[in-house]
Amino acid sequence: MNDLEEIAALLAKPEPSAGAVAHGRDRLRRRTRAGGVRRRARWFVPGVALVAGAAAAATVVFATGAPTNDGASVTGKEVLLMAAVSAERTPQDSGTYWHVTRQWFESDIPPMESWTSRDGKRWTKGEPGDPPDAVVPTWKTLSLKGATMSFEELERLPTDPEALKAWIAERKGNENDMSPSEIQGDPTLTLFTLITELPAPAEVRSAAFRALAATPGVENVGAVEGGRQLRLPVPVGDKSIELVVDPEKARVTRANLVLTGDGGLAWDKKFISVTTEWTDRLPSVKES
């Protein structure tokens, strides 16, 4: 049995033993780290390209270390399946607000942040139009395929990858805030949103990673700082998703686009950094 089959077999079992999970994890970890990172590019801030509907949010970009590759490299599918295993075993944190941060690297531009409560209320800081250093309420809330998405709906999403893709295909979206590939029914960008921006449960994130692992043409570009750089083709248009995945933490540390939780879409030739967390703290709010 090869590594891909072993990891897939682990995912198929509802409760694999801790030893089996550790064994599969260790095998892929050794192969993932085998490439190493031999060189790092100088950090700098390139320009931003935004493509979005009326609800688009600004995002931030920065460069990363150059990828390396060698004969011991794992496949892109293996990296995503390892992330799926890790996601399924990582309990979801709790908190009052879902906090998303986008930040320029080595720049005077302040971070752009949002806080969304479980009842759908949302506040932002540093986004275009926000007063400096102020946290302000906004009408925007979480969305998927350009349509409003509640926390309760996220909790009810299918945890089987094929069922999740079927749900995405059937979900009615808002075409004004959807990408061309989403409009034509491709699930890739919607799945990407579930593993990067939205507070999806652990089992749903695992299913999304597994569904992306089955994407034809997924490629492991090489080892970089923070994980493995992968390339996912998007069937409609001439762009590909470039993302850096830390398979042990089941995190996308950066990518060349963001499909934001409030309907925005941003592409760039380099990388966009997004961090997420649950928090009980909402900074002082300026009433509009």
C-alpha atoms as a PDB file:
ATOM      1  CA  MET A   1       0.000   0.000   0.000  1.00  0.00           C
ATOM      2  CA  ASN A   2       1.473   3.404  -0.984  1.00  0.00           C
ATOM      3  CA  ASP A   3       1.308   6.555   1.127  1.00  0.00           C
ATOM      4  CA  LEU A   4      -1.731   7.943  -0.708  1.00  0.00           C
ATOM      5  CA  GLU A   5      -3.689   4.705  -0.266  1.00  0.00           C
ATOM      6  CA  GLU A   6      -2.672   4.482   3.394  1.00  0.00           C
ATOM      7  CA  ILE A   7      -3.861   8.007   4.156  1.00  0.00           C
ATOM      8  CA  ALA A   8      -7.088   7.463   2.209  1.00  0.00           C
ATOM      9  CA  ALA A   9      -7.677   4.260   4.183  1.00  0.00           C
ATOM     10  CA  LEU A  10      -7.194   6.177   7.421  1.00  0.00           C
ATOM     11  CA  LEU A  11      -9.743   8.752   6.307  1.00  0.00           C
ATOM     12  CA  ALA A  12     -12.269   6.050   5.452  1.00  0.00           C
ATOM     13  CA  LYS A  13     -12.254   4.749   9.037  1.00  0.00           C
ATOM     14  CA  PRO A  14     -14.356   6.703  11.518  1.00  0.00           C
ATOM     15  CA  GLU A  15     -12.079   5.992  14.458  1.00  0.00           C
ATOM     16  CA  PRO A  16      -8.581   4.794  13.432  1.00  0.00           C
ATOM     17  CA  SER A  17      -6.211   3.958  16.230  1.00  0.00           C
ATOM     18  CA  ALA A  18      -3.885   6.641  17.511  1.00  0.00           C
ATOM     19  CA  GLY A  19      -0.944   4.473  16.479  1.00  0.00           C
ATOM     20  CA  ALA A  20      -2.171   4.162  12.900  1.00  0.00           C
ATOM     21  CA  VAL A  21      -2.736   7.903  12.603  1.00  0.00           C
ATOM     22  CA  ALA A  22       0.686   8.648  14.107  1.00  0.00           C
ATOM     23  CA  HIS A  23       2.371   6.147  11.780  1.00  0.00           C
ATOM     24  CA  GLY A  24       0.797   7.602   8.630  1.00  0.00           C
ATOM     25  CA  ARG A  25       1.428  11.144   9.835  1.00  0.00           C
ATOM     26  CA  ASP A  26       5.090  10.377  10.572  1.00  0.00           C
ATOM     27  CA  ARG A  27       5.689   8.783   7.171  1.00  0.00           C
ATOM     28  CA  LEU A  28       4.284  11.759   5.290  1.00  0.00           C
ATOM     29  CA  ARG A  29       6.035  14.234   7.624  1.00  0.00           C
ATOM     30  CA  ARG A  30       9.419  12.672   6.866  1.00  0.00           C
ATOM     31  CA  ARG A  31       8.785  12.843   3.131  1.00  0.00           C
ATOM     32  CA  THR A  32       7.349  16.366   3.325  1.00  0.00           C
ATOM     33  CA  ARG A  33      10.406  17.643   5.170  1.00  0.00           C
ATOM     34  CA  ALA A  34      12.838  15.837   2.919  1.00  0.00           C
ATOM     35  CA  GLY A  35      12.843  18.660   0.363  1.00  0.00           C
ATOM     36  CA  GLY A  36      13.802  21.270   2.922  1.00  0.00           C
ATOM     37  CA  VAL A  37      14.000  24.969   2.143  1.00  0.00           C
ATOM     38  CA  ARG A  38      17.366  25.759   0.620  1.00  0.00           C
ATOM     39  CA  ARG A  39      16.890  29.422  -0.082  1.00  0.00           C
ATOM     40  CA  ARG A  40      14.623  32.314   0.822  1.00  0.00           C
ATOM     41  CA  ALA A  41      13.633  35.261  -1.294  1.00  0.00           C
ATOM     42  CA  ARG A  42      13.806  38.753   0.142  1.00  0.00           C
ATOM     43  CA  TRP A  43      10.455  39.835   1.581  1.00  0.00           C
ATOM     44  CA  PHE A  44       8.757  42.699  -0.213  1.00  0.00           C
ATOM     45  CA  VAL A  45       5.291  44.141  -0.865  1.00  0.00           C
ATOM     46  CA  PRO A  46       4.008  43.853  -4.451  1.00  0.00           C
ATOM     47  CA  GLY A  47       0.792  45.358  -5.824  1.00  0.00           C
ATOM     48  CA  VAL A  48      -2.724  44.108  -5.260  1.00  0.00           C
ATOM     49  CA  ALA A  49      -5.239  43.034  -7.893  1.00  0.00           C
ATOM     50  CA  LEU A  50      -8.885  42.967  -6.772  1.00  0.00           C
ATOM     51  CA  VAL A  51     -11.726  41.335  -8.696  1.00  0.00           C
ATOM     52  CA  ALA A  52     -15.032  41.391  -6.858  1.00  0.00           C
ATOM     53  CA  GLY A  53     -18.653  42.430  -6.693  1.00  0.00           C
ATOM     54  CA  ALA A  54     -20.055  45.208  -4.578  1.00  0.00           C
ATOM     55  CA  ALA A  55     -19.265  43.351  -1.347  1.00  0.00           C
ATOM     56  CA  ALA A  56     -15.528  42.964  -2.086  1.00  0.00           C
ATOM     57  CA  ALA A  57     -13.122  43.431   0.807  1.00  0.00           C
ATOM     58  CA  ALA A  58      -9.542  44.621   0.398  1.00  0.00           C
ATOM     59  CA  THR A  59      -6.828  42.042   1.024  1.00  0.00           C
ATOM     60  CA  VAL A  60      -3.083  41.987   1.484  1.00  0.00           C
ATOM     61  CA  VAL A  61      -0.217  40.296  -0.298  1.00  0.00           C
ATOM     62  CA  PHE A  62       3.451  39.448   0.266  1.00  0.00           C
ATOM     63  CA  ALA A  63       6.186  37.327  -1.228  1.00  0.00           C
ATOM     64  CA  THR A  64       7.451  34.060   0.194  1.00  0.00           C
ATOM     65  CA  GLY A  65      10.540  31.870   0.025  1.00  0.00           C
ATOM     66  CA  ALA A  66      11.135  30.254  -3.350  1.00  0.00           C
ATOM     67  CA  PRO A  67       9.956  26.634  -3.624  1.00  0.00           C
ATOM     68  CA  THR A  68      12.357  23.745  -3.922  1.00  0.00           C
ATOM     69  CA  ASN A  69      11.710  20.269  -5.236  1.00  0.00           C
ATOM     70  CA  ASP A  70      13.459  16.920  -5.349  1.00  0.00           C
ATOM     71  CA  GLY A  71      12.822  13.250  -6.016  1.00  0.00           C
ATOM     72  CA  ALA A  72      11.528  12.618  -2.492  1.00  0.00           C
ATOM     73  CA  SER A  73       8.702  15.145  -2.833  1.00  0.00           C
ATOM     74  CA  VAL A  74       5.206  14.019  -1.958  1.00  0.00           C
ATOM     75  CA  THR A  75       2.387  14.608  -4.414  1.00  0.00           C
ATOM     76  CA  GLY A  76      -0.081  17.458  -4.102  1.00  0.00           C
ATOM     77  CA  LYS A  77      -2.853  14.976  -3.396  1.00  0.00           C
ATOM     78  CA  GLU A  78      -0.859  13.456  -0.535  1.00  0.00           C
ATOM     79  CA  VAL A  79      -0.285  16.875   1.039  1.00  0.00           C
ATOM     80  CA  LEU A  80      -4.011  17.668   0.905  1.00  0.00           C
ATOM     81  CA  LEU A  81      -4.973  14.246   2.270  1.00  0.00           C
ATOM     82  CA  MET A  82      -2.536  14.692   5.145  1.00  0.00           C
ATOM     83  CA  ALA A  83      -4.131  18.072   5.864  1.00  0.00           C
ATOM     84  CA  ALA A  84      -7.530  16.334   5.800  1.00  0.00           C
ATOM     85  CA  VAL A  85      -6.360  13.836   8.430  1.00  0.00           C
ATOM     86  CA  SER A  86      -5.009  16.659  10.598  1.00  0.00           C
ATOM     87  CA  ALA A  87      -8.172  18.754  10.177  1.00  0.00           C
ATOM     88  CA  GLU A  88     -10.413  15.894  11.243  1.00  0.00           C
ATOM     89  CA  ARG A  89      -8.349  15.379  14.410  1.00  0.00           C
ATOM     90  CA  THR A  90      -8.214  19.094  15.333  1.00  0.00           C
ATOM     91  CA  PRO A  91     -11.119  20.201  17.545  1.00  0.00           C
ATOM     92  CA  GLN A  92     -12.738  23.492  16.658  1.00  0.00           C
ATOM     93  CA  ASP A  93     -11.948  26.342  19.038  1.00  0.00           C
ATOM     94  CA  SER A  94     -14.745  28.307  20.634  1.00  0.00           C
ATOM     95  CA  GLY A  95     -15.370  31.983  21.071  1.00  0.00           C
ATOM     96  CA  THR A  96     -17.815  34.835  20.636  1.00  0.00           C
ATOM     97  CA  TYR A  97     -16.404  36.286  17.415  1.00  0.00           C
ATOM     98  CA  TRP A  98     -14.807  34.805  14.290  1.00  0.00           C
ATOM     99  CA  HIS A  99     -11.763  37.034  13.786  1.00  0.00           C
ATOM    100  CA  VAL A 100     -10.075  37.304  10.369  1.00  0.00           C
ATOM    101  CA  THR A 101      -6.887  39.320   9.835  1.00  0.00           C
ATOM    102  CA  ARG A 102      -5.244  40.331   6.549  1.00  0.00           C
ATOM    103  CA  GLN A 103      -1.982  42.217   6.866  1.00  0.00           C
ATOM    104  CA  TRP A 104       0.679  43.781   4.650  1.00  0.00           C
ATOM    105  CA  PHE A 105       4.132  42.425   5.402  1.00  0.00           C
ATOM    106  CA  GLU A 106       6.764  45.020   6.282  1.00  0.00           C
ATOM    107  CA  SER A 107       4.488  47.892   5.364  1.00  0.00           C
ATOM    108  CA  ASP A 108       2.945  50.913   7.049  1.00  0.00           C
ATOM    109  CA  ILE A 109      -0.480  49.826   5.807  1.00  0.00           C
ATOM    110  CA  PRO A 110      -2.458  48.721   8.890  1.00  0.00           C
ATOM    111  CA  PRO A 111      -3.981  45.235   9.167  1.00  0.00           C
ATOM    112  CA  MET A 112      -7.468  44.749   7.794  1.00  0.00           C
ATOM    113  CA  GLU A 113      -9.629  42.839  10.256  1.00  0.00           C
ATOM    114  CA  SER A 114     -13.181  41.634  10.756  1.00  0.00           C
ATOM    115  CA  TRP A 115     -15.111  40.165  13.675  1.00  0.00           C
ATOM    116  CA  THR A 116     -18.333  38.216  13.069  1.00  0.00           C
ATOM    117  CA  SER A 117     -20.624  37.091  15.880  1.00  0.00           C
ATOM    118  CA  ARG A 118     -22.714  33.928  15.802  1.00  0.00           C
ATOM    119  CA  ASP A 119     -25.876  35.937  15.211  1.00  0.00           C
ATOM    120  CA  GLY A 120     -24.390  37.321  11.977  1.00  0.00           C
ATOM    121  CA  LYS A 121     -23.381  40.789  13.177  1.00  0.00           C
ATOM    122  CA  ARG A 122     -20.045  41.988  11.842  1.00  0.00           C
ATOM    123  CA  TRP A 123     -17.453  44.688  12.511  1.00  0.00           C
ATOM    124  CA  THR A 124     -14.405  45.726  10.515  1.00  0.00           C
ATOM    125  CA  LYS A 125     -11.179  47.654  11.031  1.00  0.00           C
ATOM    126  CA  GLY A 126      -8.785  48.975   8.418  1.00  0.00           C
ATOM    127  CA  GLU A 127     -10.946  48.149   5.405  1.00  0.00           C
ATOM    128  CA  PRO A 128     -11.511  50.806   2.704  1.00  0.00           C
ATOM    129  CA  GLY A 129     -13.827  53.490   4.038  1.00  0.00           C
ATOM    130  CA  ASP A 130     -13.235  52.651   7.712  1.00  0.00           C
ATOM    131  CA  PRO A 131     -12.063  55.544   9.928  1.00  0.00           C
ATOM    132  CA  PRO A 132      -8.419  55.123  11.029  1.00  0.00           C
ATOM    133  CA  ASP A 133      -7.951  52.844  14.055  1.00  0.00           C
ATOM    134  CA  ALA A 134     -11.711  52.428  14.501  1.00  0.00           C
ATOM    135  CA  VAL A 135     -13.781  49.244  14.706  1.00  0.00           C
ATOM    136  CA  VAL A 136     -17.056  49.910  12.910  1.00  0.00           C
ATOM    137  CA  PRO A 137     -20.254  47.880  12.388  1.00  0.00           C
ATOM    138  CA  THR A 138     -21.025  46.788   8.829  1.00  0.00           C
ATOM    139  CA  TRP A 139     -23.993  45.277   7.001  1.00  0.00           C
ATOM    140  CA  LYS A 140     -21.825  42.551   5.461  1.00  0.00           C
ATOM    141  CA  THR A 141     -21.674  39.100   7.018  1.00  0.00           C
ATOM    142  CA  LEU A 142     -20.372  35.633   6.114  1.00  0.00           C
ATOM    143  CA  SER A 143     -21.214  34.296   2.672  1.00  0.00           C
ATOM    144  CA  LEU A 144     -20.523  31.391   0.330  1.00  0.00           C
ATOM    145  CA  LYS A 145     -20.956  31.613  -3.448  1.00  0.00           C
ATOM    146  CA  GLY A 146     -21.858  35.247  -2.882  1.00  0.00           C
ATOM    147  CA  ALA A 147     -24.898  34.421  -0.722  1.00  0.00           C
ATOM    148  CA  THR A 148     -25.329  34.832   3.026  1.00  0.00           C
ATOM    149  CA  MET A 149     -24.065  31.885   5.075  1.00  0.00           C
ATOM    150  CA  SER A 150     -24.993  31.465   8.731  1.00  0.00           C
ATOM    151  CA  PHE A 151     -23.019  29.649  11.385  1.00  0.00           C
ATOM    152  CA  GLU A 152     -25.864  27.154  11.691  1.00  0.00           C
ATOM    153  CA  GLU A 153     -25.661  26.353   7.966  1.00  0.00           C
ATOM    154  CA  LEU A 154     -21.912  25.814   8.244  1.00  0.00           C
ATOM    155  CA  GLU A 155     -22.480  23.375  11.091  1.00  0.00           C
ATOM    156  CA  ARG A 156     -24.888  21.354   8.924  1.00  0.00           C
ATOM    157  CA  LEU A 157     -22.658  21.039   5.849  1.00  0.00           C
ATOM    158  CA  PRO A 158     -21.940  17.490   4.614  1.00  0.00           C
ATOM    159  CA  THR A 159     -18.812  15.810   5.949  1.00  0.00           C
ATOM    160  CA  ASP A 160     -18.405  13.473   2.976  1.00  0.00           C
ATOM    161  CA  PRO A 161     -16.380  15.039   0.122  1.00  0.00           C
ATOM    162  CA  GLU A 162     -18.716  13.929  -2.668  1.00  0.00           C
ATOM    163  CA  ALA A 163     -21.793  14.990  -0.718  1.00  0.00           C
ATOM    164  CA  LEU A 164     -20.142  18.344   0.017  1.00  0.00           C
ATOM    165  CA  LYS A 165     -19.467  18.928  -3.686  1.00  0.00           C
ATOM    166  CA  ALA A 166     -23.060  17.996  -4.481  1.00  0.00           C
ATOM    167  CA  TRP A 167     -24.309  20.489  -1.874  1.00  0.00           C
ATOM    168  CA  ILE A 168     -22.127  23.202  -3.413  1.00  0.00           C
ATOM    169  CA  ALA A 169     -23.509  22.425  -6.881  1.00  0.00           C
ATOM    170  CA  GLU A 170     -27.090  22.675  -5.623  1.00  0.00           C
ATOM    171  CA  ARG A 171     -26.599  25.835  -3.535  1.00  0.00           C
ATOM    172  CA  LYS A 172     -28.106  28.917  -5.120  1.00  0.00           C
ATOM    173  CA  GLY A 173     -25.553  31.732  -5.126  1.00  0.00           C
ATOM    174  CA  ASN A 174     -25.466  35.408  -5.935  1.00  0.00           C
ATOM    175  CA  GLU A 175     -23.877  35.653  -9.378  1.00  0.00           C
ATOM    176  CA  ASN A 176     -22.914  39.298  -8.806  1.00  0.00           C
ATOM    177  CA  ASP A 177     -20.411  38.098  -6.196  1.00  0.00           C
ATOM    178  CA  MET A 178     -19.383  34.774  -7.771  1.00  0.00           C
ATOM    179  CA  SER A 179     -16.378  33.925  -9.928  1.00  0.00           C
ATOM    180  CA  PRO A 180     -16.928  32.643 -13.491  1.00  0.00           C
ATOM    181  CA  SER A 181     -15.935  29.103 -12.442  1.00  0.00           C
ATOM    182  CA  GLU A 182     -18.444  29.163  -9.560  1.00  0.00           C
ATOM    183  CA  ILE A 183     -21.170  30.389 -11.901  1.00  0.00           C
ATOM    184  CA  GLN A 184     -20.436  27.454 -14.209  1.00  0.00           C
ATOM    185  CA  GLY A 185     -20.681  24.988 -11.335  1.00  0.00           C
ATOM    186  CA  ASP A 186     -17.055  24.213 -10.485  1.00  0.00           C
ATOM    187  CA  PRO A 187     -16.624  23.690  -6.703  1.00  0.00           C
ATOM    188  CA  THR A 188     -12.870  24.445  -6.439  1.00  0.00           C
ATOM    189  CA  LEU A 189     -13.027  28.065  -5.275  1.00  0.00           C
ATOM    190  CA  THR A 190     -15.929  27.382  -2.923  1.00  0.00           C
ATOM    191  CA  LEU A 191     -14.026  24.503  -1.310  1.00  0.00           C
ATOM    192  CA  PHE A 192     -11.017  26.803  -1.012  1.00  0.00           C
ATOM    193  CA  THR A 193     -13.128  29.306   0.921  1.00  0.00           C
ATOM    194  CA  LEU A 194     -14.155  26.619   3.415  1.00  0.00           C
ATOM    195  CA  ILE A 195     -10.540  25.844   4.335  1.00  0.00           C
ATOM    196  CA  THR A 196      -9.316  29.434   4.487  1.00  0.00           C
ATOM    197  CA  GLU A 197     -11.892  32.080   5.457  1.00  0.00           C
ATOM    198  CA  LEU A 198     -15.006  30.526   6.968  1.00  0.00           C
ATOM    199  CA  PRO A 199     -15.414  28.988  10.457  1.00  0.00           C
ATOM    200  CA  ALA A 200     -16.306  25.548   9.110  1.00  0.00           C
ATOM    201  CA  PRO A 201     -16.330  22.622  11.591  1.00  0.00           C
ATOM    202  CA  ALA A 202     -13.349  20.266  11.640  1.00  0.00           C
ATOM    203  CA  GLU A 203     -15.158  17.474   9.778  1.00  0.00           C
ATOM    204  CA  VAL A 204     -16.315  19.864   7.051  1.00  0.00           C
ATOM    205  CA  ARG A 205     -12.815  21.281   6.588  1.00  0.00           C
ATOM    206  CA  SER A 206     -11.518  17.712   6.333  1.00  0.00           C
ATOM    207  CA  ALA A 207     -14.093  16.928   3.654  1.00  0.00           C
ATOM    208  CA  ALA A 208     -13.114  20.072   1.744  1.00  0.00           C
ATOM    209  CA  PHE A 209      -9.426  19.100   1.825  1.00  0.00           C
ATOM    210  CA  ARG A 210     -10.317  15.610   0.614  1.00  0.00           C
ATOM    211  CA  ALA A 211     -12.473  16.985  -2.195  1.00  0.00           C
ATOM    212  CA  LEU A 212      -9.657  19.309  -3.302  1.00  0.00           C
ATOM    213  CA  ALA A 213      -7.232  16.370  -3.213  1.00  0.00           C
ATOM    214  CA  ALA A 214      -9.347  14.735  -5.918  1.00  0.00           C
ATOM    215  CA  THR A 215      -9.036  17.776  -8.184  1.00  0.00           C
ATOM    216  CA  PRO A 216      -7.446  16.719 -11.506  1.00  0.00           C
ATOM    217  CA  GLY A 217      -4.059  18.340 -12.029  1.00  0.00           C
ATOM    218  CA  VAL A 218      -3.301  19.307  -8.417  1.00  0.00           C
ATOM    219  CA  GLU A 219       0.474  19.760  -8.216  1.00  0.00           C
ATOM    220  CA  ASN A 220       3.077  19.986  -5.454  1.00  0.00           C
ATOM    221  CA  VAL A 221       5.396  22.820  -6.514  1.00  0.00           C
ATOM    222  CA  GLY A 222       7.830  22.230  -3.653  1.00  0.00           C
ATOM    223  CA  ALA A 223       8.761  22.938  -0.060  1.00  0.00           C
ATOM    224  CA  VAL A 224       8.632  26.544   1.129  1.00  0.00           C
ATOM    225  CA  GLU A 225       8.649  28.272   4.473  1.00  0.00           C
ATOM    226  CA  GLY A 226       5.511  27.220   6.316  1.00  0.00           C
ATOM    227  CA  GLY A 227       4.668  24.066   4.353  1.00  0.00           C
ATOM    228  CA  ARG A 228       4.241  22.901   0.769  1.00  0.00           C
ATOM    229  CA  GLN A 229       3.329  25.127  -2.156  1.00  0.00           C
ATOM    230  CA  LEU A 230       0.559  23.578  -4.230  1.00  0.00           C
ATOM    231  CA  ARG A 231      -1.043  24.512  -7.529  1.00  0.00           C
ATOM    232  CA  LEU A 232      -4.732  23.883  -8.213  1.00  0.00           C
ATOM    233  CA  PRO A 233      -6.099  24.474 -11.709  1.00  0.00           C
ATOM    234  CA  VAL A 234      -9.323  26.449 -12.069  1.00  0.00           C
ATOM    235  CA  PRO A 235     -11.306  25.123 -15.063  1.00  0.00           C
ATOM    236  CA  VAL A 236     -12.704  28.512 -16.093  1.00  0.00           C
ATOM    237  CA  GLY A 237     -10.189  31.251 -16.880  1.00  0.00           C
ATOM    238  CA  ASP A 238      -6.416  31.224 -17.187  1.00  0.00           C
ATOM    239  CA  LYS A 239      -5.526  31.421 -13.500  1.00  0.00           C
ATOM    240  CA  SER A 240      -4.418  28.688 -11.099  1.00  0.00           C
ATOM    241  CA  ILE A 241      -4.694  28.740  -7.323  1.00  0.00           C
ATOM    242  CA  GLU A 242      -1.257  28.804  -5.685  1.00  0.00           C
ATOM    243  CA  LEU A 243      -1.407  28.015  -1.987  1.00  0.00           C
ATOM    244  CA  VAL A 244       0.964  27.052   0.804  1.00  0.00           C
ATOM    245  CA  VAL A 245      -0.409  24.284   3.027  1.00  0.00           C
ATOM    246  CA  ASP A 246       0.936  23.192   6.401  1.00  0.00           C
ATOM    247  CA  PRO A 247      -0.372  19.589   6.361  1.00  0.00           C
ATOM    248  CA  GLU A 248       0.376  18.940  10.042  1.00  0.00           C
ATOM    249  CA  LYS A 249      -1.716  21.914  11.189  1.00  0.00           C
ATOM    250  CA  ALA A 250      -4.270  21.681   8.339  1.00  0.00           C
ATOM    251  CA  ARG A 251      -3.772  25.352   7.592  1.00  0.00           C
ATOM    252  CA  VAL A 252      -3.439  27.355   4.403  1.00  0.00           C
ATOM    253  CA  THR A 253      -0.757  29.827   5.444  1.00  0.00           C
ATOM    254  CA  ARG A 254      -0.934  31.939   2.285  1.00  0.00           C
ATOM    255  CA  ALA A 255      -2.267  31.879  -1.264  1.00  0.00           C
ATOM    256  CA  ASN A 256      -2.447  33.962  -4.425  1.00  0.00           C
ATOM    257  CA  LEU A 257      -6.136  34.696  -3.896  1.00  0.00           C
ATOM    258  CA  VAL A 258      -8.776  35.099  -1.257  1.00  0.00           C
ATOM    259  CA  LEU A 259     -12.463  34.299  -1.631  1.00  0.00           C
ATOM    260  CA  THR A 260     -13.509  36.237   1.410  1.00  0.00           C
ATOM    261  CA  GLY A 261     -16.247  35.243   3.816  1.00  0.00           C
ATOM    262  CA  ASP A 262     -18.238  38.349   2.862  1.00  0.00           C
ATOM    263  CA  GLY A 263     -18.281  37.846  -0.909  1.00  0.00           C
ATOM    264  CA  GLY A 264     -15.041  39.430  -2.080  1.00  0.00           C
ATOM    265  CA  LEU A 265     -12.515  37.883  -4.498  1.00  0.00           C
ATOM    266  CA  ALA A 266      -8.870  38.963  -4.756  1.00  0.00           C
ATOM    267  CA  TRP A 267      -6.074  37.598  -6.979  1.00  0.00           C
ATOM    268  CA  ASP A 268      -2.400  38.487  -7.030  1.00  0.00           C
ATOM    269  CA  LYS A 269       0.744  37.156  -8.704  1.00  0.00           C
ATOM    270  CA  LYS A 270       2.358  36.635  -5.301  1.00  0.00           C
ATOM    271  CA  PHE A 271       0.698  35.618  -2.040  1.00  0.00           C
ATOM    272  CA  ILE A 272      -2.045  36.798   0.301  1.00  0.00           C
ATOM    273  CA  SER A 273      -1.798  36.224   4.034  1.00  0.00           C
ATOM    274  CA  VAL A 274      -4.933  35.477   6.059  1.00  0.00           C
ATOM    275  CA  THR A 275      -5.103  34.349   9.680  1.00  0.00           C
ATOM    276  CA  THR A 276      -8.270  33.293  11.506  1.00  0.00           C
ATOM    277  CA  GLU A 277      -9.225  32.586  15.092  1.00  0.00           C
ATOM    278  CA  TRP A 278     -12.089  32.524  17.550  1.00  0.00           C
ATOM    279  CA  THR A 279     -11.939  35.253  20.162  1.00  0.00           C
ATOM    280  CA  ASP A 280     -14.075  36.603  22.986  1.00  0.00           C
ATOM    281  CA  ARG A 281     -12.703  40.105  22.589  1.00  0.00           C
ATOM    282  CA  LEU A 282     -14.178  42.782  20.353  1.00  0.00           C
ATOM    283  CA  PRO A 283     -12.155  46.031  20.421  1.00  0.00           C
ATOM    284  CA  SER A 284     -13.942  49.283  21.178  1.00  0.00           C
ATOM    285  CA  VAL A 285     -16.583  49.930  18.525  1.00  0.00           C
ATOM    286  CA  LYS A 286     -17.229  53.271  16.887  1.00  0.00           C
ATOM    287  CA  GLU A 287     -20.934  53.657  16.224  1.00  0.00           C
ATOM    288  CA  SER A 288     -21.847  54.740  12.687  1.00  0.00           C
END
